[in-house]
């Protein structure tokens, strides 16, 4: 299970979250989108934080998230 937590008022965050979620769903991955606080864009796999926009200073790449899922 992948959870994508995103800032609902930040420009572009919702679209990025929806695009990533769609890609993951097409790969057969169960995804939940969660609107969160300002500046947030976090990705959790099985409850573990695997990506944070605050730490990486960029949006995650879909293939990058797929690799993190595969490594679990």
Protein backbone atom coordinates (compact mmCIF):
# COMPACT_ATOMS: atom_id res chain seq x y z
CA UNK A 1 0.00 0.00 0.00
CA UNK A 2 1.31 3.40 -1.02
CA UNK A 3 0.11 6.63 0.54
CA UNK A 4 0.84 9.93 -1.15
CA UNK A 5 0.46 12.90 1.16
CA UNK A 6 0.32 16.25 -0.64
CA UNK A 7 -0.33 19.92 0.01
CA UNK A 8 -3.75 20.74 -1.41
CA UNK A 9 -3.14 24.48 -1.68
CA UNK A 10 0.39 24.37 -3.11
CA UNK A 11 0.58 24.98 -6.86
CA UNK A 12 1.18 21.76 -8.77
CA UNK A 13 1.30 19.39 -5.80
CA UNK A 14 -2.15 17.87 -6.36
CA UNK A 15 -1.48 17.28 -10.06
CA UNK A 16 1.87 15.63 -9.30
CA UNK A 17 0.25 13.41 -6.67
CA UNK A 18 -2.56 12.39 -9.03
CA UNK A 19 -0.13 11.65 -11.86
CA UNK A 20 2.08 9.50 -9.62
CA UNK A 21 -0.97 7.71 -8.19
CA UNK A 22 -2.31 6.95 -11.67
CA UNK A 23 1.03 5.49 -12.78
CA UNK A 24 1.27 3.31 -9.68
CA UNK A 25 -2.32 2.12 -10.07
CA UNK A 26 -1.58 1.14 -13.68
CA UNK A 27 1.23 -1.02 -12.27
CA UNK A 28 -1.23 -2.76 -9.95
CA UNK A 29 -0.22 -0.88 -6.80
CA UNK A 30 -2.88 0.15 -4.27
CA UNK A 31 -2.62 3.91 -3.69
CA UNK A 32 -4.26 6.36 -1.32
CA UNK A 33 -4.07 10.14 -1.80
CA UNK A 34 -4.12 12.24 1.37
CA UNK A 35 -4.46 16.02 1.32
CA UNK A 36 -2.15 17.39 4.01
CA UNK A 37 -0.57 20.53 5.39
CA UNK A 38 1.33 23.25 3.62
CA UNK A 39 4.42 22.26 1.70
CA UNK A 40 3.99 18.52 2.16
CA UNK A 41 4.62 15.93 -0.51
CA UNK A 42 5.49 12.65 1.15
CA UNK A 43 5.28 9.09 -0.09
CA UNK A 44 4.83 6.18 2.30
CA UNK A 45 5.19 2.49 1.43
CA UNK A 46 3.61 0.14 3.96
CA UNK A 47 3.57 2.98 6.50
CA UNK A 48 7.25 3.88 6.10
CA UNK A 49 8.27 7.29 4.75
CA UNK A 50 10.29 6.66 1.58
CA UNK A 51 10.21 10.11 -0.04
CA UNK A 52 9.90 13.68 1.24
CA UNK A 53 9.92 16.77 -0.96
CA UNK A 54 11.41 18.74 1.95
CA UNK A 55 14.41 16.42 2.08
CA UNK A 56 14.89 15.87 -1.67
CA UNK A 57 13.83 19.34 -2.88
CA UNK A 58 11.98 17.83 -5.87
CA UNK A 59 9.00 15.68 -6.77
CA UNK A 60 9.52 11.91 -6.78
CA UNK A 61 9.92 10.07 -10.07
CA UNK A 62 7.42 7.26 -10.67
CA UNK A 63 10.13 4.71 -11.50
CA UNK A 64 12.03 5.72 -8.37
CA UNK A 65 8.98 4.92 -6.25
CA UNK A 66 8.50 1.62 -8.08
CA UNK A 67 12.11 0.68 -7.22
CA UNK A 68 11.48 1.50 -3.57
CA UNK A 69 8.34 -0.67 -3.60
CA UNK A 70 10.22 -3.55 -5.26
CA UNK A 71 13.00 -3.38 -2.68
CA UNK A 72 10.53 -4.00 0.17
